[in-house]
């Protein structure tokens, strides 16, 4: 009987938590539809989809910024963060090194990563990895919440960014 009660208590706690994050009474307007303003998402002041690793390690300390076409700022109140880390490991069977992808993610109820995630990413981030900011909720000064566009970043070598600039 105690096990059933404890299970019900845990499930009830999770359900209440989910309702707090996504309450049906909260009005969230999709900015990609015709209803809301056209929004753009930045980390720091960069909205590029390809950022050198050295710059990304600096930008990871910056908050997410959402602006509209008129330059008005929107306060980010929630986003899902994803990090595709690629590690190298030695396979004893094949006697070769192999790339092993590892995806980590977390939902933040603020406009930037917390200190633990920042420290982890600065320590492990390198070229070839990806960083994702999805399901971004931004609020205007009147309290209306909007779904902002995602920001997906491929981390590249500094030399790749220089070569791309020369090609243009």
N, C-alpha and C. Protein backbone atom coordinates (compact mmCIF):
# COMPACT_ATOMS: atom_id res chain seq x y z
N UNK A 1 0.83 -1.19 0.00
CA UNK A 1 0.00 0.00 0.00
C UNK A 1 0.88 1.26 0.00
N UNK A 2 1.99 1.22 0.76
CA UNK A 2 2.88 2.37 0.81
C UNK A 2 3.51 2.64 -0.56
N UNK A 3 3.82 1.56 -1.30
CA UNK A 3 4.43 1.72 -2.61
C UNK A 3 3.45 2.43 -3.56
N UNK A 4 2.19 2.04 -3.53
CA UNK A 4 1.19 2.66 -4.39
C UNK A 4 1.01 4.13 -4.02
N UNK A 5 0.96 4.42 -2.73
CA UNK A 5 0.80 5.81 -2.29
C UNK A 5 1.99 6.65 -2.70
N UNK A 6 3.21 6.09 -2.53
CA UNK A 6 4.42 6.82 -2.88
C UNK A 6 4.49 7.05 -4.39
N UNK A 7 4.11 6.05 -5.18
CA UNK A 7 4.09 6.21 -6.63
C UNK A 7 3.10 7.28 -7.04
N UNK A 8 1.93 7.28 -6.44
CA UNK A 8 0.92 8.30 -6.74
C UNK A 8 1.40 9.69 -6.37
N UNK A 9 2.11 9.81 -5.24
CA UNK A 9 2.64 11.09 -4.81
C UNK A 9 3.67 11.61 -5.81
N UNK A 10 4.59 10.73 -6.26
CA UNK A 10 5.61 11.14 -7.23
C UNK A 10 4.98 11.55 -8.56
N UNK A 11 4.05 10.75 -9.05
CA UNK A 11 3.39 11.07 -10.32
C UNK A 11 2.62 12.37 -10.21
N UNK A 12 1.97 12.59 -9.10
CA UNK A 12 1.23 13.83 -8.89
C UNK A 12 2.15 15.03 -8.88
N UNK A 13 3.34 14.87 -8.30
CA UNK A 13 4.32 15.95 -8.26
C UNK A 13 4.78 16.28 -9.67
N UNK A 14 5.06 15.27 -10.49
CA UNK A 14 5.51 15.51 -11.86
C UNK A 14 4.41 16.17 -12.68
N UNK A 15 3.19 15.75 -12.51
CA UNK A 15 2.07 16.33 -13.26
C UNK A 15 1.90 17.79 -12.88
N UNK A 16 1.97 18.11 -11.60
CA UNK A 16 1.85 19.51 -11.17
C UNK A 16 2.97 20.35 -11.76
N UNK A 17 4.19 19.81 -11.78
CA UNK A 17 5.33 20.54 -12.33
C UNK A 17 5.11 20.81 -13.82
N UNK A 18 4.63 19.81 -14.54
CA UNK A 18 4.39 20.00 -15.97
C UNK A 18 3.30 21.04 -16.21
N UNK A 19 2.31 21.08 -15.37
CA UNK A 19 1.26 22.07 -15.53
C UNK A 19 1.78 23.47 -15.28
N UNK A 20 2.74 23.60 -14.39
CA UNK A 20 3.31 24.92 -14.15
C UNK A 20 4.07 25.42 -15.37
N UNK A 21 4.78 24.52 -16.06
CA UNK A 21 5.54 24.92 -17.23
C UNK A 21 4.65 25.23 -18.42
N UNK A 22 3.61 24.43 -18.61
CA UNK A 22 2.78 24.54 -19.80
C UNK A 22 1.31 24.65 -19.41
N UNK A 23 0.97 25.64 -18.64
CA UNK A 23 -0.43 25.78 -18.24
C UNK A 23 -1.26 26.21 -19.44
N UNK A 24 -2.46 25.63 -19.60
CA UNK A 24 -3.27 25.97 -20.77
C UNK A 24 -3.75 27.42 -20.75
N UNK A 25 -3.73 28.05 -19.59
CA UNK A 25 -4.18 29.44 -19.52
C UNK A 25 -3.12 30.42 -20.05
N UNK A 26 -1.87 29.96 -20.12
CA UNK A 26 -0.80 30.83 -20.63
C UNK A 26 -0.98 31.01 -22.13
N UNK A 27 -1.03 32.24 -22.58
CA UNK A 27 -1.22 32.53 -23.99
C UNK A 27 0.15 32.68 -24.65
N UNK A 28 0.47 31.72 -25.51
CA UNK A 28 1.73 31.76 -26.23
C UNK A 28 1.40 31.84 -27.71
N UNK A 29 1.88 32.88 -28.35
CA UNK A 29 1.61 33.10 -29.76
C UNK A 29 2.82 32.65 -30.56
N UNK A 30 2.57 31.87 -31.59
CA UNK A 30 3.64 31.39 -32.46
C UNK A 30 4.08 32.52 -33.37
N UNK A 31 5.33 32.95 -33.23
CA UNK A 31 5.83 34.07 -34.03
C UNK A 31 6.05 33.69 -35.49
N UNK A 32 6.07 32.40 -35.79
CA UNK A 32 6.27 31.98 -37.17
C UNK A 32 4.97 32.03 -37.97
N UNK A 33 3.84 32.14 -37.27
CA UNK A 33 2.56 32.26 -37.97
C UNK A 33 2.27 33.74 -38.24
N UNK A 34 1.12 34.02 -38.79
CA UNK A 34 0.75 35.39 -39.12
C UNK A 34 0.32 36.20 -37.90
N UNK A 35 0.12 35.55 -36.75
CA UNK A 35 -0.43 36.24 -35.58
C UNK A 35 0.57 37.13 -34.86
N UNK A 36 1.81 36.73 -34.82
CA UNK A 36 2.77 37.47 -34.02
C UNK A 36 3.80 38.20 -34.86
N UNK A 37 4.66 38.97 -34.21
CA UNK A 37 5.72 39.70 -34.91
C UNK A 37 6.79 38.73 -35.42
N UNK A 38 7.59 39.17 -36.36
CA UNK A 38 8.72 38.37 -36.84
C UNK A 38 9.85 38.51 -35.84
N UNK A 39 10.24 37.40 -35.23
CA UNK A 39 11.27 37.41 -34.20
C UNK A 39 12.54 36.73 -34.70
N UNK A 40 13.66 37.14 -34.10
CA UNK A 40 14.96 36.57 -34.41
C UNK A 40 15.64 36.24 -33.09
N UNK A 41 16.34 35.11 -33.04
CA UNK A 41 17.01 34.66 -31.82
C UNK A 41 18.51 34.79 -31.98
N UNK A 42 19.16 35.29 -30.94
CA UNK A 42 20.62 35.48 -30.91
C UNK A 42 21.17 34.89 -29.62
N UNK A 43 22.43 34.51 -29.65
CA UNK A 43 23.15 34.25 -28.40
C UNK A 43 24.20 35.34 -28.35
N UNK A 44 24.14 36.15 -27.33
CA UNK A 44 24.96 37.36 -27.31
C UNK A 44 24.44 38.25 -28.42
N UNK A 45 25.29 38.57 -29.39
CA UNK A 45 24.86 39.36 -30.55
C UNK A 45 25.04 38.58 -31.84
N UNK A 46 25.14 37.25 -31.73
CA UNK A 46 25.41 36.42 -32.91
C UNK A 46 24.22 35.51 -33.19
N UNK A 47 23.78 35.47 -34.43
CA UNK A 47 22.70 34.57 -34.82
C UNK A 47 23.17 33.61 -35.91
N UNK A 48 24.47 33.48 -36.06
CA UNK A 48 25.04 32.63 -37.09
C UNK A 48 24.76 31.16 -36.79
N UNK A 49 24.70 30.36 -37.84
CA UNK A 49 24.49 28.93 -37.65
C UNK A 49 25.82 28.17 -37.63
N UNK A 50 26.90 28.87 -37.89
CA UNK A 50 28.24 28.28 -37.85
C UNK A 50 29.15 29.25 -37.10
N UNK A 51 29.64 28.80 -35.94
CA UNK A 51 30.45 29.67 -35.09
C UNK A 51 31.73 28.92 -34.71
N UNK A 52 32.90 29.58 -34.79
CA UNK A 52 34.14 28.94 -34.37
C UNK A 52 34.11 28.56 -32.89
N UNK A 53 34.79 27.48 -32.55
CA UNK A 53 34.78 26.96 -31.18
C UNK A 53 35.26 28.01 -30.18
N UNK A 54 36.30 28.76 -30.52
CA UNK A 54 36.83 29.77 -29.59
C UNK A 54 35.79 30.85 -29.29
N UNK A 55 35.04 31.28 -30.30
CA UNK A 55 34.00 32.28 -30.10
C UNK A 55 32.80 31.69 -29.35
N UNK A 56 32.45 30.44 -29.66
CA UNK A 56 31.31 29.81 -29.00
C UNK A 56 31.56 29.65 -27.51
N UNK A 57 32.80 29.37 -27.13
CA UNK A 57 33.13 29.25 -25.70
C UNK A 57 32.92 30.58 -24.98
N UNK A 58 33.10 31.69 -25.69
CA UNK A 58 32.85 33.00 -25.10
C UNK A 58 31.35 33.30 -25.07
N UNK A 59 30.67 32.96 -26.16
CA UNK A 59 29.24 33.26 -26.27
C UNK A 59 28.39 32.43 -25.32
N UNK A 60 28.89 31.28 -24.88
CA UNK A 60 28.10 30.41 -24.02
C UNK A 60 27.76 31.10 -22.69
N UNK A 61 28.54 32.12 -22.32
CA UNK A 61 28.25 32.91 -21.11
C UNK A 61 27.13 33.93 -21.35
N UNK A 62 26.79 34.18 -22.60
CA UNK A 62 25.81 35.22 -22.94
C UNK A 62 24.38 34.69 -22.82
N UNK A 63 23.46 35.59 -22.52
CA UNK A 63 22.05 35.17 -22.49
C UNK A 63 21.49 35.09 -23.91
N UNK A 64 20.39 34.35 -24.05
CA UNK A 64 19.67 34.35 -25.32
C UNK A 64 18.95 35.68 -25.46
N UNK A 65 18.95 36.21 -26.66
CA UNK A 65 18.31 37.49 -26.93
C UNK A 65 17.32 37.27 -28.07
N UNK A 66 16.11 37.80 -27.91
CA UNK A 66 15.10 37.74 -28.96
C UNK A 66 14.70 39.16 -29.29
N UNK A 67 14.75 39.48 -30.60
CA UNK A 67 14.37 40.81 -31.09
C UNK A 67 13.38 40.63 -32.23
N UNK A 68 12.59 41.69 -32.47
CA UNK A 68 11.72 41.67 -33.64
C UNK A 68 12.35 42.52 -34.74
N UNK A 69 11.66 42.68 -35.84
CA UNK A 69 12.21 43.41 -36.99
C UNK A 69 12.40 44.89 -36.70
N UNK A 70 11.71 45.41 -35.69
CA UNK A 70 11.87 46.82 -35.31
C UNK A 70 12.96 47.04 -34.27
N UNK A 71 13.60 45.96 -33.83
CA UNK A 71 14.67 46.07 -32.85
C UNK A 71 14.21 46.01 -31.41
N UNK A 72 12.92 45.77 -31.18
CA UNK A 72 12.42 45.66 -29.80
C UNK A 72 12.89 44.35 -29.18
N UNK A 73 13.31 44.42 -27.93
CA UNK A 73 13.78 43.25 -27.22
C UNK A 73 12.62 42.53 -26.53
N UNK A 74 12.71 41.21 -26.47
CA UNK A 74 11.75 40.36 -25.78
C UNK A 74 12.51 39.57 -24.73
N UNK A 75 11.94 39.44 -23.55
CA UNK A 75 12.59 38.73 -22.45
C UNK A 75 12.39 37.23 -22.62
N UNK A 76 13.48 36.46 -22.72
CA UNK A 76 13.40 35.00 -22.84
C UNK A 76 13.11 34.44 -21.45
N UNK A 77 12.05 33.63 -21.35
CA UNK A 77 11.67 33.06 -20.06
C UNK A 77 11.84 31.54 -20.01
N UNK A 78 12.06 30.92 -21.17
CA UNK A 78 12.20 29.47 -21.19
C UNK A 78 12.82 29.04 -22.51
N UNK A 79 13.66 27.98 -22.46
CA UNK A 79 14.17 27.37 -23.68
C UNK A 79 14.68 25.98 -23.36
N UNK A 80 14.70 25.15 -24.39
CA UNK A 80 15.29 23.81 -24.29
C UNK A 80 16.68 23.89 -24.90
N UNK A 81 17.65 23.38 -24.16
CA UNK A 81 19.03 23.40 -24.63
C UNK A 81 19.47 21.98 -24.96
N UNK A 82 20.16 21.83 -26.07
CA UNK A 82 20.72 20.53 -26.44
C UNK A 82 22.16 20.68 -26.86
N UNK A 83 22.96 19.68 -26.52
CA UNK A 83 24.38 19.71 -26.84
C UNK A 83 24.77 18.35 -27.38
N UNK A 84 25.19 18.30 -28.64
CA UNK A 84 25.66 17.06 -29.25
C UNK A 84 27.18 17.04 -29.15
N UNK A 85 27.66 16.31 -28.16
CA UNK A 85 29.09 16.19 -27.88
C UNK A 85 29.61 14.96 -28.60
N UNK A 86 30.75 15.08 -29.26
CA UNK A 86 31.34 13.94 -29.96
C UNK A 86 32.67 13.63 -29.31
N UNK A 87 32.75 12.41 -28.79
CA UNK A 87 33.95 11.97 -28.09
C UNK A 87 34.62 10.86 -28.90
N UNK A 88 35.88 10.64 -28.64
CA UNK A 88 36.64 9.58 -29.29
C UNK A 88 36.93 8.50 -28.27
N UNK A 89 36.72 7.26 -28.67
CA UNK A 89 37.00 6.13 -27.79
C UNK A 89 37.70 5.03 -28.58
N UNK A 90 38.45 4.20 -27.89
CA UNK A 90 39.16 3.09 -28.54
C UNK A 90 38.29 1.84 -28.45
N UNK A 91 38.01 1.24 -29.61
CA UNK A 91 37.23 0.01 -29.67
C UNK A 91 38.18 -1.17 -29.59
N UNK A 92 38.06 -1.97 -28.51
CA UNK A 92 38.96 -3.12 -28.32
C UNK A 92 38.76 -4.19 -29.39
N UNK A 93 37.55 -4.32 -29.88
CA UNK A 93 37.26 -5.36 -30.87
C UNK A 93 37.89 -5.05 -32.22
N UNK A 94 37.71 -3.83 -32.70
CA UNK A 94 38.26 -3.45 -34.01
C UNK A 94 39.67 -2.88 -33.92
N UNK A 95 40.09 -2.57 -32.72
CA UNK A 95 41.39 -1.95 -32.45
C UNK A 95 41.56 -0.65 -33.22
N UNK A 96 40.49 0.13 -33.26
CA UNK A 96 40.49 1.44 -33.91
C UNK A 96 39.80 2.45 -33.00
N UNK A 97 40.12 3.71 -33.24
CA UNK A 97 39.43 4.77 -32.54
C UNK A 97 38.11 5.05 -33.27
N UNK A 98 37.06 5.31 -32.50
CA UNK A 98 35.75 5.59 -33.07
C UNK A 98 35.17 6.86 -32.45
N UNK A 99 34.36 7.56 -33.25
CA UNK A 99 33.65 8.73 -32.75
C UNK A 99 32.36 8.26 -32.09
N UNK A 100 32.11 8.76 -30.90
CA UNK A 100 30.92 8.37 -30.16
C UNK A 100 30.12 9.63 -29.84
N UNK A 101 28.95 9.80 -30.50
CA UNK A 101 28.13 10.99 -30.20
C UNK A 101 27.36 10.79 -28.90
N UNK A 102 27.22 11.88 -28.16
CA UNK A 102 26.46 11.88 -26.91
C UNK A 102 25.60 13.14 -26.90
N UNK A 103 24.30 12.97 -26.79
CA UNK A 103 23.39 14.12 -26.76
C UNK A 103 22.94 14.36 -25.33
N UNK A 104 23.09 15.60 -24.89
CA UNK A 104 22.63 16.00 -23.57
C UNK A 104 21.68 17.17 -23.74
N UNK A 105 20.67 17.24 -22.91
CA UNK A 105 19.73 18.34 -23.01
C UNK A 105 19.11 18.68 -21.68
N UNK A 106 18.58 19.89 -21.60
CA UNK A 106 17.94 20.35 -20.37
C UNK A 106 17.05 21.53 -20.71
N UNK A 107 16.00 21.71 -19.93
CA UNK A 107 15.11 22.85 -20.08
C UNK A 107 15.47 23.90 -19.05
N UNK A 108 15.63 25.14 -19.51
CA UNK A 108 15.98 26.24 -18.62
C UNK A 108 14.81 27.21 -18.54
N UNK A 109 14.50 27.66 -17.35
CA UNK A 109 13.42 28.62 -17.12
C UNK A 109 14.01 30.00 -16.86
N UNK A 110 14.95 30.37 -17.69
CA UNK A 110 15.63 31.66 -17.62
C UNK A 110 16.17 31.96 -19.01
N UNK A 111 16.98 32.99 -19.16
CA UNK A 111 17.44 33.36 -20.49
C UNK A 111 18.85 32.89 -20.83
N UNK A 112 19.48 32.10 -19.94
CA UNK A 112 20.81 31.59 -20.23
C UNK A 112 21.06 30.30 -19.49
N UNK A 113 22.17 29.64 -19.85
CA UNK A 113 22.55 28.40 -19.19
C UNK A 113 22.99 28.68 -17.76
N UNK A 114 22.88 27.69 -16.90
CA UNK A 114 23.39 27.88 -15.54
C UNK A 114 24.90 27.61 -15.51
N UNK A 115 25.53 27.89 -14.38
CA UNK A 115 26.99 27.83 -14.29
C UNK A 115 27.55 26.42 -14.51
N UNK A 116 26.82 25.38 -14.09
CA UNK A 116 27.31 24.02 -14.30
C UNK A 116 27.37 23.65 -15.77
N UNK A 117 26.32 23.99 -16.52
CA UNK A 117 26.32 23.71 -17.95
C UNK A 117 27.37 24.55 -18.67
N UNK A 118 27.52 25.80 -18.31
CA UNK A 118 28.54 26.65 -18.94
C UNK A 118 29.93 26.05 -18.76
N UNK A 119 30.23 25.63 -17.53
CA UNK A 119 31.55 25.07 -17.24
C UNK A 119 31.78 23.78 -18.03
N UNK A 120 30.77 22.92 -18.11
CA UNK A 120 30.90 21.66 -18.84
C UNK A 120 31.17 21.92 -20.33
N UNK A 121 30.41 22.83 -20.90
CA UNK A 121 30.54 23.08 -22.33
C UNK A 121 31.88 23.75 -22.66
N UNK A 122 32.30 24.69 -21.84
CA UNK A 122 33.59 25.34 -22.08
C UNK A 122 34.73 24.33 -22.03
N UNK A 123 34.58 23.33 -21.17
CA UNK A 123 35.62 22.33 -20.99
C UNK A 123 35.68 21.33 -22.16
N UNK A 124 34.53 20.98 -22.74
CA UNK A 124 34.49 19.90 -23.72
C UNK A 124 34.22 20.32 -25.16
N UNK A 125 33.76 21.54 -25.40
CA UNK A 125 33.34 21.97 -26.73
C UNK A 125 34.50 22.00 -27.72
N UNK A 126 34.27 21.43 -28.89
CA UNK A 126 35.27 21.50 -29.96
C UNK A 126 34.57 21.44 -31.31
N UNK A 127 35.32 21.67 -32.36
CA UNK A 127 34.77 21.73 -33.72
C UNK A 127 34.07 20.41 -34.07
N UNK A 128 32.99 20.53 -34.82
CA UNK A 128 32.23 19.36 -35.25
C UNK A 128 31.02 19.08 -34.38
N UNK A 129 30.94 19.74 -33.24
CA UNK A 129 29.81 19.52 -32.33
C UNK A 129 28.69 20.51 -32.64
N UNK A 130 27.52 20.24 -32.06
CA UNK A 130 26.36 21.10 -32.31
C UNK A 130 25.74 21.54 -30.98
N UNK A 131 25.19 22.76 -31.01
CA UNK A 131 24.50 23.34 -29.85
C UNK A 131 23.12 23.76 -30.34
N UNK A 132 22.09 23.40 -29.57
CA UNK A 132 20.71 23.67 -29.97
C UNK A 132 19.98 24.47 -28.90
N UNK A 133 19.28 25.50 -29.32
CA UNK A 133 18.37 26.26 -28.46
C UNK A 133 16.99 26.15 -29.10
N UNK A 134 16.11 25.36 -28.51
CA UNK A 134 14.79 25.08 -29.09
C UNK A 134 13.68 25.48 -28.14
N UNK A 135 12.46 25.52 -28.67
CA UNK A 135 11.25 25.80 -27.89
C UNK A 135 11.44 27.04 -27.01
N UNK A 136 11.88 28.10 -27.62
CA UNK A 136 12.18 29.35 -26.91
C UNK A 136 10.88 30.13 -26.72
N UNK A 137 10.63 30.52 -25.48
CA UNK A 137 9.47 31.35 -25.15
C UNK A 137 9.99 32.73 -24.75
N UNK A 138 9.52 33.75 -25.44
CA UNK A 138 9.94 35.13 -25.17
C UNK A 138 8.69 35.96 -24.88
N UNK A 139 8.84 36.92 -23.99
CA UNK A 139 7.71 37.73 -23.53
C UNK A 139 7.97 39.20 -23.84
N UNK A 140 6.94 39.88 -24.36
CA UNK A 140 7.09 41.31 -24.63
C UNK A 140 6.78 42.11 -23.36
N UNK A 141 6.89 43.42 -23.45
CA UNK A 141 6.71 44.27 -22.27
C UNK A 141 5.28 44.25 -21.73
N UNK A 142 4.30 43.85 -22.56
CA UNK A 142 2.91 43.80 -22.09
C UNK A 142 2.55 42.44 -21.51
N UNK A 143 3.49 41.48 -21.53
CA UNK A 143 3.25 40.18 -20.92
C UNK A 143 2.79 39.10 -21.88
N UNK A 144 2.68 39.42 -23.15
CA UNK A 144 2.28 38.41 -24.13
C UNK A 144 3.50 37.56 -24.45
N UNK A 145 3.30 36.23 -24.43
CA UNK A 145 4.40 35.31 -24.70
C UNK A 145 4.36 34.84 -26.14
N UNK A 146 5.55 34.75 -26.74
CA UNK A 146 5.68 34.34 -28.13
C UNK A 146 6.64 33.16 -28.23
N UNK A 147 6.38 32.29 -29.17
CA UNK A 147 7.32 31.24 -29.49
C UNK A 147 8.34 31.80 -30.46
N UNK A 148 9.59 31.87 -30.03
CA UNK A 148 10.66 32.43 -30.87
C UNK A 148 11.31 31.32 -31.70
N UNK A 149 11.91 31.68 -32.83
CA UNK A 149 12.54 30.65 -33.67
C UNK A 149 13.75 30.03 -32.98
N UNK A 150 14.01 28.75 -33.27
CA UNK A 150 15.15 28.08 -32.66
C UNK A 150 16.48 28.61 -33.20
N UNK A 151 17.54 28.30 -32.48
CA UNK A 151 18.89 28.65 -32.89
C UNK A 151 19.72 27.38 -32.81
N UNK A 152 20.18 26.89 -33.96
CA UNK A 152 21.00 25.69 -34.04
C UNK A 152 22.37 26.09 -34.56
N UNK A 153 23.41 25.70 -33.82
CA UNK A 153 24.75 26.16 -34.14
C UNK A 153 25.67 24.96 -34.35
N UNK A 154 26.39 24.99 -35.47
CA UNK A 154 27.45 24.02 -35.73
C UNK A 154 28.76 24.68 -35.33
N UNK A 155 29.51 24.03 -34.46
CA UNK A 155 30.79 24.57 -34.00
C UNK A 155 31.85 24.17 -35.02
N UNK A 156 32.59 25.16 -35.50
CA UNK A 156 33.59 24.92 -36.54
C UNK A 156 34.97 25.38 -36.06
N UNK A 157 36.00 25.02 -36.85
CA UNK A 157 37.35 25.52 -36.60
C UNK A 157 37.41 26.98 -37.01
N UNK A 158 38.30 27.73 -36.43
CA UNK A 158 38.50 29.13 -36.81
C UNK A 158 38.92 29.22 -38.26
N UNK A 159 39.73 28.27 -38.73
CA UNK A 159 40.20 28.29 -40.11
C UNK A 159 39.04 28.12 -41.09
N UNK A 160 37.99 27.36 -40.72
CA UNK A 160 36.83 27.20 -41.60
C UNK A 160 36.11 28.52 -41.80
N UNK A 161 35.98 29.32 -40.74
CA UNK A 161 35.31 30.61 -40.83
C UNK A 161 36.10 31.55 -41.74
N UNK A 162 37.43 31.51 -41.63
CA UNK A 162 38.28 32.36 -42.48
C UNK A 162 38.15 31.92 -43.94
N UNK A 163 38.17 30.62 -44.21
CA UNK A 163 38.05 30.11 -45.58
C UNK A 163 36.70 30.45 -46.19
N UNK A 164 35.63 30.41 -45.42
CA UNK A 164 34.31 30.77 -45.92
C UNK A 164 34.26 32.25 -46.29
N UNK A 165 34.89 33.11 -45.49
CA UNK A 165 34.91 34.54 -45.77
C UNK A 165 35.69 34.83 -47.06
N UNK A 166 36.79 34.10 -47.27
CA UNK A 166 37.58 34.29 -48.48
C UNK A 166 36.82 33.82 -49.72
N UNK A 167 35.99 32.78 -49.58
CA UNK A 167 35.24 32.23 -50.70
C UNK A 167 34.15 33.19 -51.18
N UNK A 168 33.65 34.01 -50.27
CA UNK A 168 32.59 34.96 -50.62
C UNK A 168 33.16 36.13 -51.32
